[in-house]
Amino acid sequence: MTQRSVILGTGSYLPEKILTNHDLTKLVETTEEWIFTRTGINQRHIAAKGELTSHLAIKAAENAIAAANIDKATIDLVIVATTTPDIPFPSVATKVQAGLGLKQGAALDVQAVCAGFVYAMATADSMLKNGLATTALVIGADTLSRIVDWSDRGTCILFGDGAGAVILQSQQSDRGILSSHLSSDGTTGDLLYAAPTIHMQGKEVFKNAVLHMTGSSREALARAKLQATDINWVIPHQANQRILEATVDKMEVSKDRLISTVANHGNTSAASIPLALDVAARDKRLKPGQNLLITAIGGGLAWGSCVIRW
């Protein structure tokens, strides 16, 4: 047995409002078929007026706590991955801490855009292994609809809002996070940025996404002393279906081991992996002892991967 950060439960939350591809045809010059063919997206959820990132994060957290069946008072670390905080400060994590009635432990935000959840998981894992905390609440939450240019067909079709969460606990176990790999290249920051709305060089982002998610995944697998054939499920950042499929193809992983929720969620940035993870956990696709690979890339460009034994 090894001291590892074990996932005890998952949770998620999606805003009530749904924006379909048909709805988008009324906003920009496009067709439902054009959107789906290029992205694999049918719909995305949009936060209501006054519904903030912290509100989504708290609801996802409550669902994860219930799934983990723990006393929330045992949580002594809250990390929220987000690009869209309610306000510049205080952090979304401290708002979640307050919303859950927690007063002990540390709370902080991580900003690595769409790679944020992977960065947050690696950060929590390191802190748990070093004894800085015992039970962590890790959340990915974003309301990207608030920084989208709704007249830009190249970006507005992609993004939606949501939150996903996991409970991690330090235990002597064969399960949990086996390895992580994080990296970034600030010289490529102009490929994907927000000032103040999202701007993206789509073809270059696609190429870099496949290249870096594949490379990072291989590095994380090597650190875990595993091969791609040892992975039961790949849960990539849900950017668009073409990127997901190109990534598993390059890794020579069968598409039937790919977990995709992009059709119903769109690109929810830091929330996309924990949302997909929660869907797969609740529909019982994930079985004890299975090996999962999560991998993502976001603005920065920043990317990373984690190998997890369920």
C-alpha atoms as a PDB file:
ATOM      1  CA  MET A   1       0.000   0.000   0.000  1.00  0.00           C
ATOM      2  CA  THR A   2       1.113   3.552  -0.809  1.00  0.00           C
ATOM      3  CA  GLN A   3      -0.051   6.899   0.545  1.00  0.00           C
ATOM      4  CA  ARG A   4      -2.302   8.226  -2.216  1.00  0.00           C
ATOM      5  CA  SER A   5      -4.993  10.812  -2.866  1.00  0.00           C
ATOM      6  CA  VAL A   6      -8.131   8.723  -3.371  1.00  0.00           C
ATOM      7  CA  ILE A   7     -11.340   9.965  -5.005  1.00  0.00           C
ATOM      8  CA  LEU A   8     -14.186   9.336  -2.555  1.00  0.00           C
ATOM      9  CA  GLY A   9     -16.984  10.962  -4.542  1.00  0.00           C
ATOM     10  CA  THR A  10     -17.861  13.188  -7.477  1.00  0.00           C
ATOM     11  CA  GLY A  11     -20.506  15.830  -8.103  1.00  0.00           C
ATOM     12  CA  SER A  12     -21.579  18.293 -10.745  1.00  0.00           C
ATOM     13  CA  TYR A  13     -23.990  21.084 -11.513  1.00  0.00           C
ATOM     14  CA  LEU A  14     -25.296  22.576 -14.763  1.00  0.00           C
ATOM     15  CA  PRO A  15     -27.366  25.762 -15.037  1.00  0.00           C
ATOM     16  CA  GLU A  16     -31.002  25.284 -15.968  1.00  0.00           C
ATOM     17  CA  LYS A  17     -30.939  27.291 -19.203  1.00  0.00           C
ATOM     18  CA  ILE A  18     -29.992  25.326 -22.326  1.00  0.00           C
ATOM     19  CA  LEU A  19     -28.766  26.993 -25.521  1.00  0.00           C
ATOM     20  CA  THR A  20     -29.155  24.659 -28.506  1.00  0.00           C
ATOM     21  CA  ASN A  21     -27.506  24.813 -31.906  1.00  0.00           C
ATOM     22  CA  HIS A  22     -30.864  25.888 -33.290  1.00  0.00           C
ATOM     23  CA  ASP A  23     -30.887  28.798 -30.851  1.00  0.00           C
ATOM     24  CA  LEU A  24     -27.438  29.847 -32.080  1.00  0.00           C
ATOM     25  CA  THR A  25     -28.664  30.068 -35.682  1.00  0.00           C
ATOM     26  CA  LYS A  26     -30.702  33.068 -34.517  1.00  0.00           C
ATOM     27  CA  LEU A  27     -27.584  34.804 -33.114  1.00  0.00           C
ATOM     28  CA  VAL A  28     -24.948  34.226 -35.818  1.00  0.00           C
ATOM     29  CA  GLU A  29     -24.904  33.137 -39.437  1.00  0.00           C
ATOM     30  CA  THR A  30     -24.570  29.352 -39.120  1.00  0.00           C
ATOM     31  CA  THR A  31     -26.513  26.095 -39.289  1.00  0.00           C
ATOM     32  CA  GLU A  32     -27.109  23.343 -36.755  1.00  0.00           C
ATOM     33  CA  GLU A  33     -25.297  20.878 -39.030  1.00  0.00           C
ATOM     34  CA  TRP A  34     -22.268  23.179 -39.434  1.00  0.00           C
ATOM     35  CA  ILE A  35     -21.848  23.475 -35.662  1.00  0.00           C
ATOM     36  CA  PHE A  36     -22.260  19.772 -34.947  1.00  0.00           C
ATOM     37  CA  THR A  37     -20.013  18.610 -37.795  1.00  0.00           C
ATOM     38  CA  ARG A  38     -17.121  20.792 -36.609  1.00  0.00           C
ATOM     39  CA  THR A  39     -17.545  20.420 -32.866  1.00  0.00           C
ATOM     40  CA  GLY A  40     -19.755  17.473 -31.951  1.00  0.00           C
ATOM     41  CA  ILE A  41     -21.791  19.866 -29.775  1.00  0.00           C
ATOM     42  CA  ASN A  42     -25.602  19.874 -29.752  1.00  0.00           C
ATOM     43  CA  GLN A  43     -26.240  22.152 -26.780  1.00  0.00           C
ATOM     44  CA  ARG A  44     -24.628  23.969 -23.876  1.00  0.00           C
ATOM     45  CA  HIS A  45     -25.862  25.310 -20.505  1.00  0.00           C
ATOM     46  CA  ILE A  46     -25.864  29.035 -19.741  1.00  0.00           C
ATOM     47  CA  ALA A  47     -25.805  30.568 -16.258  1.00  0.00           C
ATOM     48  CA  ALA A  48     -28.798  32.701 -15.355  1.00  0.00           C
ATOM     49  CA  LYS A  49     -28.496  36.388 -14.608  1.00  0.00           C
ATOM     50  CA  GLY A  50     -27.029  36.662 -11.123  1.00  0.00           C
ATOM     51  CA  GLU A  51     -25.914  33.010 -11.107  1.00  0.00           C
ATOM     52  CA  LEU A  52     -22.191  33.250 -10.391  1.00  0.00           C
ATOM     53  CA  THR A  53     -19.294  30.825 -10.719  1.00  0.00           C
ATOM     54  CA  SER A  54     -19.269  30.355  -6.946  1.00  0.00           C
ATOM     55  CA  HIS A  55     -22.963  29.380  -6.982  1.00  0.00           C
ATOM     56  CA  LEU A  56     -22.278  26.639  -9.534  1.00  0.00           C
ATOM     57  CA  ALA A  57     -19.209  25.500  -7.594  1.00  0.00           C
ATOM     58  CA  ILE A  58     -21.084  25.242  -4.279  1.00  0.00           C
ATOM     59  CA  LYS A  59     -23.840  23.118  -5.809  1.00  0.00           C
ATOM     60  CA  ALA A  60     -21.335  20.765  -7.434  1.00  0.00           C
ATOM     61  CA  ALA A  61     -19.456  20.558  -4.126  1.00  0.00           C
ATOM     62  CA  GLU A  62     -22.596  19.659  -2.201  1.00  0.00           C
ATOM     63  CA  ASN A  63     -23.289  16.825  -4.642  1.00  0.00           C
ATOM     64  CA  ALA A  64     -19.721  15.532  -4.350  1.00  0.00           C
ATOM     65  CA  ILE A  65     -19.864  15.618  -0.539  1.00  0.00           C
ATOM     66  CA  ALA A  66     -23.130  13.659  -0.608  1.00  0.00           C
ATOM     67  CA  ALA A  67     -21.650  11.081  -3.010  1.00  0.00           C
ATOM     68  CA  ALA A  68     -18.534  10.702  -0.835  1.00  0.00           C
ATOM     69  CA  ASN A  69     -20.728  10.304   2.259  1.00  0.00           C
ATOM     70  CA  ILE A  70     -18.348  12.261   4.460  1.00  0.00           C
ATOM     71  CA  ASP A  71     -18.762  14.865   7.156  1.00  0.00           C
ATOM     72  CA  LYS A  72     -17.984  18.123   5.356  1.00  0.00           C
ATOM     73  CA  ALA A  73     -16.232  19.342   8.508  1.00  0.00           C
ATOM     74  CA  THR A  74     -13.371  16.970   7.627  1.00  0.00           C
ATOM     75  CA  ILE A  75     -12.545  19.003   4.500  1.00  0.00           C
ATOM     76  CA  ASP A  76      -9.385  21.003   5.202  1.00  0.00           C
ATOM     77  CA  LEU A  77      -8.486  22.078   1.657  1.00  0.00           C
ATOM     78  CA  VAL A  78     -10.614  23.693  -1.048  1.00  0.00           C
ATOM     79  CA  ILE A  79      -9.155  24.317  -4.504  1.00  0.00           C
ATOM     80  CA  VAL A  80     -11.230  25.830  -7.290  1.00  0.00           C
ATOM     81  CA  ALA A  81      -9.990  25.880 -10.881  1.00  0.00           C
ATOM     82  CA  THR A  82     -11.617  28.800 -12.685  1.00  0.00           C
ATOM     83  CA  THR A  83     -10.983  31.509 -15.250  1.00  0.00           C
ATOM     84  CA  THR A  84     -14.180  33.377 -14.409  1.00  0.00           C
ATOM     85  CA  PRO A  85     -14.204  34.300 -10.708  1.00  0.00           C
ATOM     86  CA  ASP A  86     -17.180  36.258  -9.396  1.00  0.00           C
ATOM     87  CA  ILE A  87     -14.912  39.220  -8.668  1.00  0.00           C
ATOM     88  CA  PRO A  88     -11.097  39.703  -8.680  1.00  0.00           C
ATOM     89  CA  PHE A  89     -10.972  38.790  -4.995  1.00  0.00           C
ATOM     90  CA  PRO A  90     -11.694  37.153  -2.645  1.00  0.00           C
ATOM     91  CA  SER A  91     -11.216  33.819  -4.396  1.00  0.00           C
ATOM     92  CA  VAL A  92     -14.055  31.584  -5.493  1.00  0.00           C
ATOM     93  CA  ALA A  93     -12.585  28.922  -3.190  1.00  0.00           C
ATOM     94  CA  THR A  94     -13.114  31.068  -0.098  1.00  0.00           C
ATOM     95  CA  LYS A  95     -16.668  31.750  -1.245  1.00  0.00           C
ATOM     96  CA  VAL A  96     -17.227  28.004  -1.560  1.00  0.00           C
ATOM     97  CA  GLN A  97     -15.686  27.508   1.870  1.00  0.00           C
ATOM     98  CA  ALA A  98     -18.092  30.062   3.334  1.00  0.00           C
ATOM     99  CA  GLY A  99     -21.061  28.705   1.402  1.00  0.00           C
ATOM    100  CA  LEU A 100     -20.448  25.230   2.801  1.00  0.00           C
ATOM    101  CA  GLY A 101     -19.999  26.551   6.327  1.00  0.00           C
ATOM    102  CA  LEU A 102     -16.328  25.515   6.537  1.00  0.00           C
ATOM    103  CA  LYS A 103     -13.928  27.515   8.664  1.00  0.00           C
ATOM    104  CA  GLN A 104     -10.837  25.315   8.814  1.00  0.00           C
ATOM    105  CA  GLY A 105      -8.048  24.652   6.346  1.00  0.00           C
ATOM    106  CA  ALA A 106      -6.864  26.470   3.229  1.00  0.00           C
ATOM    107  CA  ALA A 107      -8.827  27.690   0.215  1.00  0.00           C
ATOM    108  CA  LEU A 108      -7.348  28.909  -3.068  1.00  0.00           C
ATOM    109  CA  ASP A 109      -8.077  29.321  -6.771  1.00  0.00           C
ATOM    110  CA  VAL A 110      -6.005  27.892  -9.630  1.00  0.00           C
ATOM    111  CA  GLN A 111      -6.006  29.590 -13.039  1.00  0.00           C
ATOM    112  CA  ALA A 112      -4.886  27.457 -15.975  1.00  0.00           C
ATOM    113  CA  VAL A 113      -8.047  27.970 -18.070  1.00  0.00           C
ATOM    114  CA  CYS A 114      -9.222  24.672 -19.596  1.00  0.00           C
ATOM    115  CA  ALA A 115      -6.296  22.800 -17.999  1.00  0.00           C
ATOM    116  CA  GLY A 116      -7.253  24.179 -14.596  1.00  0.00           C
ATOM    117  CA  PHE A 117      -8.845  21.053 -13.154  1.00  0.00           C
ATOM    118  CA  VAL A 118      -5.783  18.928 -13.934  1.00  0.00           C
ATOM    119  CA  TYR A 119      -3.564  21.595 -12.336  1.00  0.00           C
ATOM    120  CA  ALA A 120      -5.878  21.709  -9.301  1.00  0.00           C
ATOM    121  CA  MET A 121      -5.826  17.918  -8.917  1.00  0.00           C
ATOM    122  CA  ALA A 122      -2.024  17.823  -9.086  1.00  0.00           C
ATOM    123  CA  THR A 123      -1.801  20.674  -6.564  1.00  0.00           C
ATOM    124  CA  ALA A 124      -4.209  18.994  -4.144  1.00  0.00           C
ATOM    125  CA  ASP A 125      -2.400  15.669  -4.525  1.00  0.00           C
ATOM    126  CA  SER A 126       0.928  17.294  -3.674  1.00  0.00           C
ATOM    127  CA  MET A 127      -0.501  19.042  -0.613  1.00  0.00           C
ATOM    128  CA  LEU A 128      -2.170  15.873   0.634  1.00  0.00           C
ATOM    129  CA  LYS A 129       1.023  13.842   0.179  1.00  0.00           C
ATOM    130  CA  ASN A 130       3.009  16.472   2.064  1.00  0.00           C
ATOM    131  CA  GLY A 131       0.629  16.444   5.014  1.00  0.00           C
ATOM    132  CA  LEU A 132      -0.662  19.992   4.512  1.00  0.00           C
ATOM    133  CA  ALA A 133      -4.216  18.617   4.414  1.00  0.00           C
ATOM    134  CA  THR A 134      -6.053  15.307   4.769  1.00  0.00           C
ATOM    135  CA  THR A 135      -9.273  15.780   2.761  1.00  0.00           C
ATOM    136  CA  ALA A 136      -9.564  18.050  -0.256  1.00  0.00           C
ATOM    137  CA  LEU A 137     -12.489  19.409  -2.224  1.00  0.00           C
ATOM    138  CA  VAL A 138     -11.314  20.054  -5.793  1.00  0.00           C
ATOM    139  CA  ILE A 139     -13.660  21.917  -8.133  1.00  0.00           C
ATOM    140  CA  GLY A 140     -13.608  23.049 -11.749  1.00  0.00           C
ATOM    141  CA  ALA A 141     -16.152  25.813 -12.368  1.00  0.00           C
ATOM    142  CA  ASP A 142     -16.585  28.380 -15.100  1.00  0.00           C
ATOM    143  CA  THR A 143     -19.140  30.762 -16.590  1.00  0.00           C
ATOM    144  CA  LEU A 144     -17.437  31.359 -19.925  1.00  0.00           C
ATOM    145  CA  SER A 145     -20.690  32.571 -21.468  1.00  0.00           C
ATOM    146  CA  ARG A 146     -19.920  35.902 -19.775  1.00  0.00           C
ATOM    147  CA  ILE A 147     -16.685  36.412 -21.730  1.00  0.00           C
ATOM    148  CA  VAL A 148     -17.846  35.100 -25.116  1.00  0.00           C
ATOM    149  CA  ASP A 149     -18.345  37.423 -28.092  1.00  0.00           C
ATOM    150  CA  TRP A 150     -21.774  36.264 -29.204  1.00  0.00           C
ATOM    151  CA  SER A 151     -21.194  37.712 -32.665  1.00  0.00           C
ATOM    152  CA  ASP A 152     -18.071  35.581 -33.260  1.00  0.00           C
ATOM    153  CA  ARG A 153     -19.142  32.319 -34.874  1.00  0.00           C
ATOM    154  CA  GLY A 154     -15.735  30.768 -34.348  1.00  0.00           C
ATOM    155  CA  THR A 155     -15.992  30.853 -30.546  1.00  0.00           C
ATOM    156  CA  CYS A 156     -19.578  31.423 -29.401  1.00  0.00           C
ATOM    157  CA  ILE A 157     -20.669  27.983 -30.655  1.00  0.00           C
ATOM    158  CA  LEU A 158     -18.204  26.237 -28.351  1.00  0.00           C
ATOM    159  CA  PHE A 159     -18.594  27.431 -24.811  1.00  0.00           C
ATOM    160  CA  GLY A 160     -20.990  26.761 -21.953  1.00  0.00           C
ATOM    161  CA  ASP A 161     -21.188  27.016 -18.171  1.00  0.00           C
ATOM    162  CA  GLY A 162     -20.993  24.395 -15.430  1.00  0.00           C
ATOM    163  CA  ALA A 163     -19.144  22.988 -12.439  1.00  0.00           C
ATOM    164  CA  GLY A 164     -17.769  19.618 -11.379  1.00  0.00           C
ATOM    165  CA  ALA A 165     -16.175  18.518  -8.120  1.00  0.00           C
ATOM    166  CA  VAL A 166     -14.358  15.650  -6.448  1.00  0.00           C
ATOM    167  CA  ILE A 167     -13.503  14.762  -2.870  1.00  0.00           C
ATOM    168  CA  LEU A 168      -9.898  13.593  -2.454  1.00  0.00           C
ATOM    169  CA  GLN A 169      -8.628  12.003   0.737  1.00  0.00           C
ATOM    170  CA  SER A 170      -5.133  10.914   1.713  1.00  0.00           C
ATOM    171  CA  GLN A 171      -5.164   7.157   2.378  1.00  0.00           C
ATOM    172  CA  GLN A 172      -2.925   4.115   2.363  1.00  0.00           C
ATOM    173  CA  SER A 173      -4.312   2.556  -0.799  1.00  0.00           C
ATOM    174  CA  ASP A 174      -3.655   0.988  -4.187  1.00  0.00           C
ATOM    175  CA  ARG A 175      -6.249   3.426  -5.569  1.00  0.00           C
ATOM    176  CA  GLY A 176      -6.018   7.176  -6.169  1.00  0.00           C
ATOM    177  CA  ILE A 177      -3.793   9.507  -8.177  1.00  0.00           C
ATOM    178  CA  LEU A 178      -0.857   7.502  -9.506  1.00  0.00           C
ATOM    179  CA  SER A 179       0.985  10.273 -11.354  1.00  0.00           C
ATOM    180  CA  SER A 180       0.704  13.775 -12.804  1.00  0.00           C
ATOM    181  CA  HIS A 181       2.434  15.816 -15.474  1.00  0.00           C
ATOM    182  CA  LEU A 182       2.094  19.590 -15.936  1.00  0.00           C
ATOM    183  CA  SER A 183       3.638  21.930 -18.484  1.00  0.00           C
ATOM    184  CA  SER A 184       3.136  25.248 -20.260  1.00  0.00           C
ATOM    185  CA  ASP A 185       4.580  27.490 -22.963  1.00  0.00           C
ATOM    186  CA  GLY A 186       3.909  31.188 -22.478  1.00  0.00           C
ATOM    187  CA  THR A 187       5.171  32.064 -25.947  1.00  0.00           C
ATOM    188  CA  THR A 188       1.990  30.532 -27.414  1.00  0.00           C
ATOM    189  CA  GLY A 189      -0.343  32.689 -25.329  1.00  0.00           C
ATOM    190  CA  ASP A 190      -1.643  34.602 -28.347  1.00  0.00           C
ATOM    191  CA  LEU A 191      -3.293  31.439 -29.717  1.00  0.00           C
ATOM    192  CA  LEU A 192      -6.047  31.535 -27.099  1.00  0.00           C
ATOM    193  CA  TYR A 193      -6.753  34.470 -24.802  1.00  0.00           C
ATOM    194  CA  ALA A 194      -9.486  36.746 -23.445  1.00  0.00           C
ATOM    195  CA  ALA A 195      -9.242  40.542 -23.765  1.00  0.00           C
ATOM    196  CA  PRO A 196     -11.928  41.050 -22.697  1.00  0.00           C
ATOM    197  CA  THR A 197     -13.742  38.381 -24.768  1.00  0.00           C
ATOM    198  CA  ILE A 198     -12.353  35.046 -25.970  1.00  0.00           C
ATOM    199  CA  HIS A 199     -10.090  35.092 -29.036  1.00  0.00           C
ATOM    200  CA  MET A 200      -8.841  31.866 -30.572  1.00  0.00           C
ATOM    201  CA  GLN A 201      -6.726  30.748 -33.520  1.00  0.00           C
ATOM    202  CA  GLY A 202      -8.703  27.567 -34.022  1.00  0.00           C
ATOM    203  CA  LYS A 203      -6.409  25.569 -36.308  1.00  0.00           C
ATOM    204  CA  GLU A 204      -3.315  26.257 -34.228  1.00  0.00           C
ATOM    205  CA  VAL A 205      -5.114  25.469 -30.976  1.00  0.00           C
ATOM    206  CA  PHE A 206      -6.339  22.182 -32.471  1.00  0.00           C
ATOM    207  CA  LYS A 207      -2.821  21.188 -33.518  1.00  0.00           C
ATOM    208  CA  ASN A 208      -1.292  22.107 -30.160  1.00  0.00           C
ATOM    209  CA  ALA A 209      -4.089  20.411 -28.225  1.00  0.00           C
ATOM    210  CA  VAL A 210      -3.533  17.040 -29.853  1.00  0.00           C
ATOM    211  CA  LEU A 211       0.261  17.348 -29.673  1.00  0.00           C
ATOM    212  CA  HIS A 212       0.498  18.396 -26.023  1.00  0.00           C
ATOM    213  CA  MET A 213      -2.329  16.305 -24.555  1.00  0.00           C
ATOM    214  CA  THR A 214      -0.835  13.232 -26.212  1.00  0.00           C
ATOM    215  CA  GLY A 215       2.689  14.037 -25.050  1.00  0.00           C
ATOM    216  CA  SER A 216       1.604  14.871 -21.516  1.00  0.00           C
ATOM    217  CA  SER A 217      -0.492  11.706 -21.311  1.00  0.00           C
ATOM    218  CA  ARG A 218       2.485   9.580 -22.329  1.00  0.00           C
ATOM    219  CA  GLU A 219       4.655  11.302 -19.722  1.00  0.00           C
ATOM    220  CA  ALA A 220       2.087  10.723 -16.955  1.00  0.00           C
ATOM    221  CA  LEU A 221       1.683   7.085 -18.001  1.00  0.00           C
ATOM    222  CA  ALA A 222       5.456   6.573 -17.929  1.00  0.00           C
ATOM    223  CA  ARG A 223       5.629   8.040 -14.425  1.00  0.00           C
ATOM    224  CA  ALA A 224       2.885   5.613 -13.349  1.00  0.00           C
ATOM    225  CA  LYS A 225       4.779   2.748 -15.060  1.00  0.00           C
ATOM    226  CA  LEU A 226       1.778   2.049 -17.294  1.00  0.00           C
ATOM    227  CA  GLN A 227       1.161   1.757 -21.015  1.00  0.00           C
ATOM    228  CA  ALA A 228      -1.703   3.218 -23.035  1.00  0.00           C
ATOM    229  CA  THR A 229      -3.132  -0.314 -23.194  1.00  0.00           C
ATOM    230  CA  ASP A 230      -3.457  -0.269 -19.379  1.00  0.00           C
ATOM    231  CA  ILE A 231      -5.908   2.641 -19.475  1.00  0.00           C
ATOM    232  CA  ASN A 232      -9.583   1.716 -19.186  1.00  0.00           C
ATOM    233  CA  TRP A 233     -10.980   5.223 -19.706  1.00  0.00           C
ATOM    234  CA  VAL A 234      -9.630   8.444 -21.188  1.00  0.00           C
ATOM    235  CA  ILE A 235     -11.406  11.604 -20.007  1.00  0.00           C
ATOM    236  CA  PRO A 236      -9.945  14.552 -21.934  1.00  0.00           C
ATOM    237  CA  HIS A 237     -10.885  18.190 -21.661  1.00  0.00           C
ATOM    238  CA  GLN A 238     -14.142  18.410 -23.594  1.00  0.00           C
ATOM    239  CA  ALA A 239     -13.017  21.004 -26.146  1.00  0.00           C
ATOM    240  CA  ASN A 240     -14.691  19.497 -29.191  1.00  0.00           C
ATOM    241  CA  GLN A 241     -15.271  15.960 -30.406  1.00  0.00           C
ATOM    242  CA  ARG A 242     -12.700  16.163 -33.192  1.00  0.00           C
ATOM    243  CA  ILE A 243      -9.904  17.029 -30.735  1.00  0.00           C
ATOM    244  CA  LEU A 244     -10.982  14.231 -28.386  1.00  0.00           C
ATOM    245  CA  GLU A 245     -10.950  11.625 -31.141  1.00  0.00           C
ATOM    246  CA  ALA A 246      -7.695  12.870 -32.677  1.00  0.00           C
ATOM    247  CA  THR A 247      -6.009  12.645 -29.269  1.00  0.00           C
ATOM    248  CA  VAL A 248      -7.001   9.040 -28.547  1.00  0.00           C
ATOM    249  CA  ASP A 249      -6.155   8.105 -32.142  1.00  0.00           C
ATOM    250  CA  LYS A 250      -2.631   9.486 -31.763  1.00  0.00           C
ATOM    251  CA  MET A 251      -2.274   7.609 -28.471  1.00  0.00           C
ATOM    252  CA  GLU A 252      -3.490   4.441 -30.226  1.00  0.00           C
ATOM    253  CA  VAL A 253      -6.318   4.059 -27.736  1.00  0.00           C
ATOM    254  CA  SER A 254      -9.652   2.655 -28.880  1.00  0.00           C
ATOM    255  CA  LYS A 255     -12.461   5.210 -29.170  1.00  0.00           C
ATOM    256  CA  ASP A 256     -14.685   2.971 -27.050  1.00  0.00           C
ATOM    257  CA  ARG A 257     -12.490   3.940 -24.089  1.00  0.00           C
ATOM    258  CA  LEU A 258     -13.148   7.654 -24.627  1.00  0.00           C
ATOM    259  CA  ILE A 259     -15.611   9.379 -22.289  1.00  0.00           C
ATOM    260  CA  SER A 260     -17.237  12.325 -24.044  1.00  0.00           C
ATOM    261  CA  THR A 261     -19.965  14.654 -22.802  1.00  0.00           C
ATOM    262  CA  VAL A 262     -19.204  17.513 -25.185  1.00  0.00           C
ATOM    263  CA  ALA A 263     -22.439  16.987 -27.145  1.00  0.00           C
ATOM    264  CA  ASN A 264     -24.566  17.986 -24.149  1.00  0.00           C
ATOM    265  CA  HIS A 265     -22.222  20.312 -22.235  1.00  0.00           C
ATOM    266  CA  GLY A 266     -20.109  22.100 -24.844  1.00  0.00           C
ATOM    267  CA  ASN A 267     -16.717  23.368 -23.728  1.00  0.00           C
ATOM    268  CA  THR A 268     -17.063  24.287 -20.041  1.00  0.00           C
ATOM    269  CA  SER A 269     -13.341  25.010 -19.553  1.00  0.00           C
ATOM    270  CA  ALA A 270     -12.081  23.884 -16.121  1.00  0.00           C
ATOM    271  CA  ALA A 271     -15.437  22.224 -15.405  1.00  0.00           C
ATOM    272  CA  SER A 272     -15.361  19.893 -18.398  1.00  0.00           C
ATOM    273  CA  ILE A 273     -13.325  16.990 -16.986  1.00  0.00           C
ATOM    274  CA  PRO A 274     -15.038  16.795 -13.563  1.00  0.00           C
ATOM    275  CA  LEU A 275     -18.436  17.071 -15.282  1.00  0.00           C
ATOM    276  CA  ALA A 276     -17.577  14.134 -17.545  1.00  0.00           C
ATOM    277  CA  LEU A 277     -16.062  12.235 -14.613  1.00  0.00           C
ATOM    278  CA  ASP A 278     -19.262  12.644 -12.593  1.00  0.00           C
ATOM    279  CA  VAL A 279     -21.426  11.472 -15.506  1.00  0.00           C
ATOM    280  CA  ALA A 280     -19.298   8.332 -15.904  1.00  0.00           C
ATOM    281  CA  ALA A 281     -19.235   7.674 -12.150  1.00  0.00           C
ATOM    282  CA  ARG A 282     -22.996   7.963 -11.819  1.00  0.00           C
ATOM    283  CA  ASP A 283     -23.830   5.783 -14.819  1.00  0.00           C
ATOM    284  CA  LYS A 284     -21.497   3.109 -13.363  1.00  0.00           C
ATOM    285  CA  ARG A 285     -19.058   3.009 -16.285  1.00  0.00           C
ATOM    286  CA  LEU A 286     -16.217   3.452 -13.806  1.00  0.00           C
ATOM    287  CA  LYS A 287     -15.371   0.252 -11.918  1.00  0.00           C
ATOM    288  CA  PRO A 288     -13.088  -0.205  -8.888  1.00  0.00           C
ATOM    289  CA  GLY A 289      -9.489  -0.813  -9.919  1.00  0.00           C
ATOM    290  CA  GLN A 290      -9.836   0.702 -13.387  1.00  0.00           C
ATOM    291  CA  ASN A 291      -7.162   3.105 -14.608  1.00  0.00           C
ATOM    292  CA  LEU A 292      -8.324   6.547 -15.766  1.00  0.00           C
ATOM    293  CA  LEU A 293      -6.407   9.160 -17.705  1.00  0.00           C
ATOM    294  CA  ILE A 294      -7.469  12.794 -17.538  1.00  0.00           C
ATOM    295  CA  THR A 295      -5.742  15.249 -19.846  1.00  0.00           C
ATOM    296  CA  ALA A 296      -6.314  18.881 -20.824  1.00  0.00           C
ATOM    297  CA  ILE A 297      -4.933  21.958 -22.525  1.00  0.00           C
ATOM    298  CA  GLY A 298      -5.922  25.582 -22.025  1.00  0.00           C
ATOM    299  CA  GLY A 299      -4.857  29.144 -22.629  1.00  0.00           C
ATOM    300  CA  GLY A 300      -1.278  29.919 -21.749  1.00  0.00           C
ATOM    301  CA  LEU A 301      -0.829  27.534 -23.415  1.00  0.00           C
ATOM    302  CA  ALA A 302      -0.896  25.239 -20.369  1.00  0.00           C
ATOM    303  CA  TRP A 303      -1.477  21.496 -20.370  1.00  0.00           C
ATOM    304  CA  GLY A 304      -1.304  18.462 -18.126  1.00  0.00           C
ATOM    305  CA  SER A 305      -2.430  14.926 -17.364  1.00  0.00           C
ATOM    306  CA  CYS A 306      -3.159  12.719 -14.364  1.00  0.00           C
ATOM    307  CA  VAL A 307      -3.387   8.938 -14.113  1.00  0.00           C
ATOM    308  CA  ILE A 308      -5.915   7.801 -11.522  1.00  0.00           C
ATOM    309  CA  ARG A 309      -6.870   4.338 -10.262  1.00  0.00           C
ATOM    310  CA  TRP A 310     -10.599   4.301  -9.496  1.00  0.00           C
END
